[in-house]
Amino acid sequence: MSRRTRPASAPGPSRPTVSVCRGCCCGTPKIPGVDHAGQLAQLRGSLDGSATVRAVECLDACEHGNVIVVQPSAEGRRAGGRPVWLGLVNDPDALTDITAWARDGGPGLADPPEILELYVFTPSRRVREGLEGSGKS
C-alpha cells in the first residue's frame, strides 16, 4: 500500500459556530407560533460565510426552548470567549441580534447586543459538558 502525502490545506477563516437545537422540543410544534424552519434558514442565509450554522439534536435544556448556542471561533476562544447559551429565542428580532453579533466575531471578539442578555442562561454542567465534550464546541 502506497502512502501519499496529502497537500497541506490552508486553514479557512476562523468563524464562530451557531448551534440551533432541533431536538425533542425546540424546533417542533411544542413551541407554537414560531416558524422553526424559517428560523434556521434565516440564520444560515444571514451568516453564510461569517459563521457556521448547524442544527443539533436535543441540547437537554427544553425549558428554555428554542435554544441557540453561540460558540467562539478559535481566535475568540484564545481571547477568552466561551459558548453563550441563549434560550427562549422565539422572536425574529433576537435572530437579527444573534446574526449581527456572530458576524462581528461572536464570543471573545465582539460584545453581544445588550438585549441578548435577556436570553442568556447557564445550563447544568452536565449539559454544557455534553455539548463541549462531544467535539461540538
N, C-alpha and C. Protein backbone atom coordinates (compact mmCIF):
# COMPACT_ATOMS: atom_id res chain seq x y z
N MET A 1 0.84 -1.16 0.00
CA MET A 1 0.00 0.00 0.00
C MET A 1 0.89 1.23 0.00
N SER A 2 0.65 2.10 -0.93
CA SER A 2 1.48 3.30 -1.01
C SER A 2 0.91 4.39 -0.11
N ARG A 3 1.83 5.19 0.35
CA ARG A 3 1.42 6.32 1.17
C ARG A 3 1.61 7.59 0.37
N ARG A 4 0.56 8.31 0.25
CA ARG A 4 0.63 9.57 -0.47
C ARG A 4 0.66 10.70 0.54
N THR A 5 1.40 11.67 0.18
CA THR A 5 1.42 12.85 1.04
C THR A 5 0.24 13.71 0.64
N ARG A 6 -0.54 14.07 1.63
CA ARG A 6 -1.67 14.95 1.36
C ARG A 6 -1.17 16.38 1.33
N PRO A 7 -1.63 17.12 0.34
CA PRO A 7 -1.22 18.51 0.33
C PRO A 7 -1.80 19.23 1.54
N ALA A 8 -0.99 20.07 2.11
CA ALA A 8 -1.45 20.84 3.26
C ALA A 8 -2.52 21.81 2.80
N SER A 9 -3.65 21.76 3.45
CA SER A 9 -4.70 22.69 3.07
C SER A 9 -4.59 23.93 3.94
N ALA A 10 -4.79 25.03 3.32
CA ALA A 10 -4.73 26.29 4.06
C ALA A 10 -5.94 26.37 4.97
N PRO A 11 -5.69 26.72 6.22
CA PRO A 11 -6.84 26.81 7.12
C PRO A 11 -7.77 27.94 6.68
N GLY A 12 -9.04 27.67 6.80
CA GLY A 12 -10.03 28.69 6.47
C GLY A 12 -10.09 29.72 7.57
N PRO A 13 -10.87 30.73 7.33
CA PRO A 13 -11.00 31.75 8.36
C PRO A 13 -11.67 31.17 9.60
N SER A 14 -11.23 31.65 10.74
CA SER A 14 -11.81 31.23 11.99
C SER A 14 -13.20 31.84 12.11
N ARG A 15 -14.21 31.01 12.37
CA ARG A 15 -15.58 31.51 12.44
C ARG A 15 -16.26 30.97 13.68
N PRO A 16 -17.16 31.75 14.25
CA PRO A 16 -17.96 31.21 15.35
C PRO A 16 -18.93 30.16 14.80
N THR A 17 -19.45 29.35 15.69
CA THR A 17 -20.44 28.35 15.34
C THR A 17 -21.74 28.67 16.07
N VAL A 18 -22.82 28.65 15.34
CA VAL A 18 -24.14 28.87 15.92
C VAL A 18 -24.88 27.53 15.85
N SER A 19 -25.07 26.92 17.02
CA SER A 19 -25.75 25.63 17.10
C SER A 19 -27.20 25.87 17.48
N VAL A 20 -28.10 25.37 16.64
CA VAL A 20 -29.53 25.59 16.83
C VAL A 20 -30.16 24.26 17.24
N CYS A 21 -30.71 24.21 18.44
CA CYS A 21 -31.32 22.99 18.93
C CYS A 21 -32.56 22.67 18.10
N ARG A 22 -32.62 21.45 17.64
CA ARG A 22 -33.78 20.99 16.88
C ARG A 22 -34.08 19.56 17.33
N GLY A 23 -34.21 19.41 18.65
CA GLY A 23 -34.42 18.09 19.22
C GLY A 23 -35.86 17.84 19.59
N CYS A 24 -36.08 17.40 20.80
CA CYS A 24 -37.41 16.93 21.19
C CYS A 24 -38.43 18.05 21.36
N CYS A 25 -38.01 19.23 21.74
CA CYS A 25 -38.95 20.35 21.93
C CYS A 25 -38.64 21.52 21.00
N CYS A 26 -37.41 21.95 21.01
CA CYS A 26 -37.02 23.07 20.14
C CYS A 26 -37.24 22.67 18.68
N GLY A 27 -37.77 23.59 17.93
CA GLY A 27 -37.96 23.31 16.50
C GLY A 27 -39.16 22.44 16.20
N THR A 28 -40.05 22.28 17.18
CA THR A 28 -41.24 21.45 16.97
C THR A 28 -42.49 22.24 17.34
N PRO A 29 -43.66 21.70 17.02
CA PRO A 29 -44.90 22.37 17.40
C PRO A 29 -45.09 22.52 18.91
N LYS A 30 -44.25 21.87 19.72
CA LYS A 30 -44.33 22.06 21.17
C LYS A 30 -44.07 23.51 21.54
N ILE A 31 -43.39 24.24 20.66
CA ILE A 31 -43.19 25.68 20.84
C ILE A 31 -43.96 26.33 19.70
N PRO A 32 -45.21 26.71 19.97
CA PRO A 32 -46.09 27.22 18.91
C PRO A 32 -45.76 28.66 18.51
N GLY A 33 -46.23 29.02 17.33
CA GLY A 33 -46.12 30.40 16.87
C GLY A 33 -44.76 30.79 16.34
N VAL A 34 -43.90 29.81 16.11
CA VAL A 34 -42.55 30.08 15.60
C VAL A 34 -42.37 29.32 14.30
N ASP A 35 -41.85 29.99 13.29
CA ASP A 35 -41.51 29.32 12.03
C ASP A 35 -40.12 28.72 12.21
N HIS A 36 -40.08 27.49 12.73
CA HIS A 36 -38.81 26.86 13.08
C HIS A 36 -37.89 26.67 11.88
N ALA A 37 -38.45 26.20 10.78
CA ALA A 37 -37.64 26.01 9.57
C ALA A 37 -37.16 27.37 9.06
N GLY A 38 -38.01 28.36 9.12
CA GLY A 38 -37.64 29.70 8.69
C GLY A 38 -36.55 30.30 9.56
N GLN A 39 -36.60 30.00 10.85
CA GLN A 39 -35.58 30.48 11.79
C GLN A 39 -34.20 29.95 11.38
N LEU A 40 -34.13 28.67 11.15
CA LEU A 40 -32.86 28.05 10.76
C LEU A 40 -32.40 28.57 9.40
N ALA A 41 -33.32 28.68 8.46
CA ALA A 41 -32.97 29.19 7.13
C ALA A 41 -32.48 30.63 7.20
N GLN A 42 -33.11 31.44 8.05
CA GLN A 42 -32.68 32.84 8.20
C GLN A 42 -31.26 32.91 8.74
N LEU A 43 -30.97 32.12 9.75
CA LEU A 43 -29.62 32.13 10.31
C LEU A 43 -28.60 31.67 9.27
N ARG A 44 -28.91 30.58 8.58
CA ARG A 44 -27.97 30.07 7.57
C ARG A 44 -27.74 31.09 6.46
N GLY A 45 -28.80 31.72 5.99
CA GLY A 45 -28.67 32.70 4.92
C GLY A 45 -27.94 33.95 5.37
N SER A 46 -28.25 34.42 6.56
CA SER A 46 -27.65 35.66 7.07
C SER A 46 -26.20 35.49 7.46
N LEU A 47 -25.83 34.28 7.87
CA LEU A 47 -24.46 34.07 8.37
C LEU A 47 -23.57 33.32 7.39
N ASP A 48 -24.05 33.08 6.19
CA ASP A 48 -23.26 32.38 5.19
C ASP A 48 -21.92 33.07 5.01
N GLY A 49 -20.86 32.34 5.29
CA GLY A 49 -19.51 32.88 5.12
C GLY A 49 -18.94 33.54 6.36
N SER A 50 -19.77 33.87 7.36
CA SER A 50 -19.23 34.53 8.54
C SER A 50 -19.36 33.68 9.80
N ALA A 51 -20.18 32.65 9.78
CA ALA A 51 -20.31 31.73 10.91
C ALA A 51 -20.83 30.40 10.39
N THR A 52 -20.52 29.35 11.10
CA THR A 52 -21.05 28.04 10.78
C THR A 52 -22.36 27.90 11.54
N VAL A 53 -23.42 27.55 10.83
CA VAL A 53 -24.73 27.34 11.47
C VAL A 53 -25.07 25.88 11.31
N ARG A 54 -25.45 25.24 12.41
CA ARG A 54 -25.81 23.84 12.32
C ARG A 54 -26.96 23.51 13.26
N ALA A 55 -27.80 22.64 12.79
CA ALA A 55 -28.88 22.11 13.62
C ALA A 55 -28.31 20.93 14.40
N VAL A 56 -28.62 20.88 15.68
CA VAL A 56 -28.12 19.80 16.53
C VAL A 56 -29.29 19.11 17.22
N GLU A 57 -29.04 17.91 17.68
CA GLU A 57 -30.07 17.18 18.42
C GLU A 57 -30.35 17.88 19.74
N CYS A 58 -31.24 17.35 20.49
CA CYS A 58 -31.68 17.95 21.75
C CYS A 58 -30.49 18.31 22.64
N LEU A 59 -30.47 19.56 23.08
CA LEU A 59 -29.42 20.03 23.98
C LEU A 59 -29.81 19.88 25.45
N ASP A 60 -30.94 19.25 25.69
CA ASP A 60 -31.39 18.93 27.05
C ASP A 60 -31.57 20.18 27.91
N ALA A 61 -32.09 21.22 27.29
CA ALA A 61 -32.43 22.45 28.02
C ALA A 61 -33.83 22.88 27.57
N CYS A 62 -34.73 21.91 27.50
CA CYS A 62 -36.06 22.09 26.90
C CYS A 62 -36.86 23.22 27.54
N GLU A 63 -36.64 23.47 28.81
CA GLU A 63 -37.39 24.54 29.48
C GLU A 63 -37.02 25.92 28.94
N HIS A 64 -35.97 25.99 28.13
CA HIS A 64 -35.51 27.25 27.53
C HIS A 64 -35.76 27.31 26.03
N GLY A 65 -36.51 26.35 25.47
CA GLY A 65 -36.69 26.26 24.02
C GLY A 65 -37.32 27.51 23.41
N ASN A 66 -36.85 27.84 22.29
CA ASN A 66 -35.81 27.38 21.39
C ASN A 66 -34.44 27.83 21.89
N VAL A 67 -33.50 26.89 21.87
CA VAL A 67 -32.15 27.14 22.38
C VAL A 67 -31.18 27.30 21.22
N ILE A 68 -30.33 28.31 21.35
CA ILE A 68 -29.25 28.54 20.39
C ILE A 68 -27.99 28.75 21.21
N VAL A 69 -26.90 28.11 20.79
CA VAL A 69 -25.61 28.28 21.46
C VAL A 69 -24.66 28.92 20.46
N VAL A 70 -24.09 30.06 20.85
CA VAL A 70 -23.12 30.74 20.00
C VAL A 70 -21.74 30.41 20.58
N GLN A 71 -20.98 29.67 19.80
CA GLN A 71 -19.67 29.20 20.24
C GLN A 71 -18.58 30.04 19.58
N PRO A 72 -17.53 30.35 20.32
CA PRO A 72 -16.49 31.20 19.76
C PRO A 72 -15.68 30.51 18.67
N SER A 73 -15.12 31.33 17.82
CA SER A 73 -14.15 30.82 16.85
C SER A 73 -12.88 30.47 17.63
N ALA A 74 -11.91 29.86 16.97
CA ALA A 74 -10.65 29.55 17.63
C ALA A 74 -10.00 30.84 18.15
N GLU A 75 -10.05 31.88 17.34
CA GLU A 75 -9.49 33.16 17.75
C GLU A 75 -10.26 33.74 18.95
N GLY A 76 -11.58 33.61 18.91
CA GLY A 76 -12.40 34.08 20.02
C GLY A 76 -12.13 33.32 21.30
N ARG A 77 -11.92 32.02 21.18
CA ARG A 77 -11.61 31.20 22.36
C ARG A 77 -10.26 31.62 22.95
N ARG A 78 -9.29 31.86 22.09
CA ARG A 78 -7.98 32.33 22.58
C ARG A 78 -8.09 33.67 23.29
N ALA A 79 -9.07 34.46 22.89
CA ALA A 79 -9.29 35.77 23.50
C ALA A 79 -10.16 35.67 24.76
N GLY A 80 -10.52 34.45 25.15
CA GLY A 80 -11.29 34.26 26.37
C GLY A 80 -12.77 33.99 26.17
N GLY A 81 -13.22 33.93 24.93
CA GLY A 81 -14.63 33.67 24.66
C GLY A 81 -15.03 32.24 25.00
N ARG A 82 -16.23 32.09 25.49
CA ARG A 82 -16.79 30.78 25.81
C ARG A 82 -18.18 30.69 25.18
N PRO A 83 -18.69 29.48 25.01
CA PRO A 83 -20.03 29.34 24.44
C PRO A 83 -21.07 30.13 25.24
N VAL A 84 -21.97 30.76 24.54
CA VAL A 84 -23.05 31.51 25.17
C VAL A 84 -24.37 30.82 24.80
N TRP A 85 -25.10 30.40 25.83
CA TRP A 85 -26.36 29.72 25.67
C TRP A 85 -27.48 30.74 25.71
N LEU A 86 -28.32 30.71 24.69
CA LEU A 86 -29.45 31.63 24.58
C LEU A 86 -30.74 30.81 24.55
N GLY A 87 -31.67 31.17 25.40
CA GLY A 87 -32.93 30.44 25.47
C GLY A 87 -34.12 31.32 25.15
N LEU A 88 -35.23 30.67 24.86
CA LEU A 88 -36.48 31.34 24.51
C LEU A 88 -36.30 32.24 23.29
N VAL A 89 -35.48 31.76 22.35
CA VAL A 89 -35.22 32.51 21.12
C VAL A 89 -36.37 32.23 20.15
N ASN A 90 -37.46 32.94 20.38
CA ASN A 90 -38.67 32.72 19.61
C ASN A 90 -39.12 33.98 18.89
N ASP A 91 -38.30 34.99 18.92
CA ASP A 91 -38.62 36.30 18.35
C ASP A 91 -37.67 36.57 17.18
N PRO A 92 -38.20 36.95 16.02
CA PRO A 92 -37.33 37.23 14.87
C PRO A 92 -36.28 38.31 15.15
N ASP A 93 -36.60 39.27 16.02
CA ASP A 93 -35.61 40.31 16.34
C ASP A 93 -34.40 39.73 17.06
N ALA A 94 -34.61 38.69 17.86
CA ALA A 94 -33.49 38.04 18.54
C ALA A 94 -32.54 37.42 17.52
N LEU A 95 -33.09 36.83 16.46
CA LEU A 95 -32.25 36.26 15.41
C LEU A 95 -31.40 37.33 14.74
N THR A 96 -31.99 38.50 14.54
CA THR A 96 -31.25 39.61 13.93
C THR A 96 -30.08 40.00 14.81
N ASP A 97 -30.31 40.06 16.13
CA ASP A 97 -29.24 40.42 17.07
C ASP A 97 -28.16 39.34 17.13
N ILE A 98 -28.56 38.08 17.12
CA ILE A 98 -27.60 36.97 17.13
C ILE A 98 -26.76 37.01 15.86
N THR A 99 -27.41 37.25 14.73
CA THR A 99 -26.70 37.33 13.45
C THR A 99 -25.68 38.45 13.46
N ALA A 100 -26.07 39.63 13.92
CA ALA A 100 -25.15 40.77 13.95
C ALA A 100 -23.94 40.46 14.81
N TRP A 101 -24.17 39.85 15.96
CA TRP A 101 -23.08 39.52 16.88
C TRP A 101 -22.13 38.49 16.27
N ALA A 102 -22.68 37.43 15.69
CA ALA A 102 -21.84 36.40 15.08
C ALA A 102 -21.04 36.98 13.91
N ARG A 103 -21.65 37.85 13.12
CA ARG A 103 -20.92 38.49 12.02
C ARG A 103 -19.77 39.35 12.52
N ASP A 104 -19.95 39.96 13.69
CA ASP A 104 -18.91 40.81 14.28
C ASP A 104 -17.80 39.99 14.92
N GLY A 105 -17.96 38.67 15.01
CA GLY A 105 -16.91 37.81 15.56
C GLY A 105 -17.38 36.89 16.67
N GLY A 106 -18.50 37.22 17.32
CA GLY A 106 -19.04 36.35 18.36
C GLY A 106 -18.25 36.41 19.66
N PRO A 107 -18.46 35.42 20.54
CA PRO A 107 -17.84 35.42 21.87
C PRO A 107 -16.32 35.60 21.81
N GLY A 108 -15.83 36.46 22.67
CA GLY A 108 -14.39 36.71 22.76
C GLY A 108 -13.90 37.81 21.85
N LEU A 109 -14.63 38.08 20.77
CA LEU A 109 -14.18 39.08 19.80
C LEU A 109 -15.12 40.28 19.70
N ALA A 110 -16.37 40.09 20.05
CA ALA A 110 -17.34 41.17 19.94
C ALA A 110 -18.31 41.09 21.11
N ASP A 111 -18.71 42.22 21.60
CA ASP A 111 -19.73 42.25 22.64
C ASP A 111 -21.09 42.00 22.00
N PRO A 112 -21.91 41.16 22.65
CA PRO A 112 -23.24 40.93 22.09
C PRO A 112 -24.12 42.16 22.29
N PRO A 113 -25.13 42.33 21.45
CA PRO A 113 -26.09 43.40 21.69
C PRO A 113 -26.67 43.22 23.11
N GLU A 114 -26.83 44.31 23.82
CA GLU A 114 -27.29 44.23 25.22
C GLU A 114 -28.58 43.46 25.38
N ILE A 115 -29.48 43.55 24.42
CA ILE A 115 -30.78 42.88 24.52
C ILE A 115 -30.62 41.37 24.66
N LEU A 116 -29.53 40.81 24.13
CA LEU A 116 -29.34 39.36 24.22
C LEU A 116 -29.11 38.89 25.64
N GLU A 117 -28.75 39.80 26.55
CA GLU A 117 -28.59 39.41 27.96
C GLU A 117 -29.88 38.82 28.51
N LEU A 118 -31.02 39.24 27.96
CA LEU A 118 -32.31 38.71 28.41
C LEU A 118 -32.49 37.24 28.04
N TYR A 119 -31.74 36.77 27.07
CA TYR A 119 -31.88 35.40 26.58
C TYR A 119 -30.83 34.45 27.16
N VAL A 120 -29.77 34.99 27.75
CA VAL A 120 -28.66 34.17 28.23
C VAL A 120 -29.09 33.35 29.44
N PHE A 121 -28.69 32.09 29.43
CA PHE A 121 -28.89 31.24 30.61
C PHE A 121 -27.68 30.32 30.73
N THR A 122 -27.53 29.76 31.91
CA THR A 122 -26.43 28.83 32.16
C THR A 122 -27.03 27.44 32.34
N PRO A 123 -26.76 26.53 31.42
CA PRO A 123 -27.28 25.17 31.57
C PRO A 123 -26.49 24.43 32.64
N SER A 124 -26.98 23.29 33.03
CA SER A 124 -26.25 22.50 34.02
C SER A 124 -24.88 22.11 33.47
N ARG A 125 -23.99 21.82 34.37
CA ARG A 125 -22.64 21.41 33.96
C ARG A 125 -22.70 20.17 33.08
N ARG A 126 -23.58 19.24 33.41
CA ARG A 126 -23.72 18.01 32.62
C ARG A 126 -24.11 18.33 31.18
N VAL A 127 -25.03 19.27 31.01
CA VAL A 127 -25.48 19.65 29.67
C VAL A 127 -24.35 20.36 28.93
N ARG A 128 -23.67 21.30 29.61
CA ARG A 128 -22.55 22.01 28.98
C ARG A 128 -21.46 21.04 28.54
N GLU A 129 -21.12 20.11 29.42
CA GLU A 129 -20.07 19.14 29.08
C GLU A 129 -20.50 18.25 27.93
N GLY A 130 -21.78 17.96 27.82
CA GLY A 130 -22.28 17.17 26.71
C GLY A 130 -22.03 17.84 25.37
N LEU A 131 -22.25 19.16 25.32
CA LEU A 131 -22.02 19.89 24.07
C LEU A 131 -20.53 20.08 23.83
N GLU A 132 -19.81 20.51 24.86
CA GLU A 132 -18.40 20.83 24.69
C GLU A 132 -17.54 19.57 24.63
N GLY A 133 -17.90 18.54 25.40
CA GLY A 133 -17.09 17.33 25.45
C GLY A 133 -17.26 16.42 24.25
N SER A 134 -18.30 16.63 23.48
CA SER A 134 -18.55 15.74 22.34
C SER A 134 -17.92 16.24 21.06
N GLY A 135 -17.11 17.29 21.18
CA GLY A 135 -16.50 17.83 19.97
C GLY A 135 -17.40 18.81 19.25
N LYS A 136 -18.51 19.16 19.87
CA LYS A 136 -19.45 20.08 19.23
C LYS A 136 -19.15 21.53 19.58
N SER A 137 -18.18 21.77 20.44
CA SER A 137 -17.92 23.16 20.86
C SER A 137 -17.03 23.91 19.92
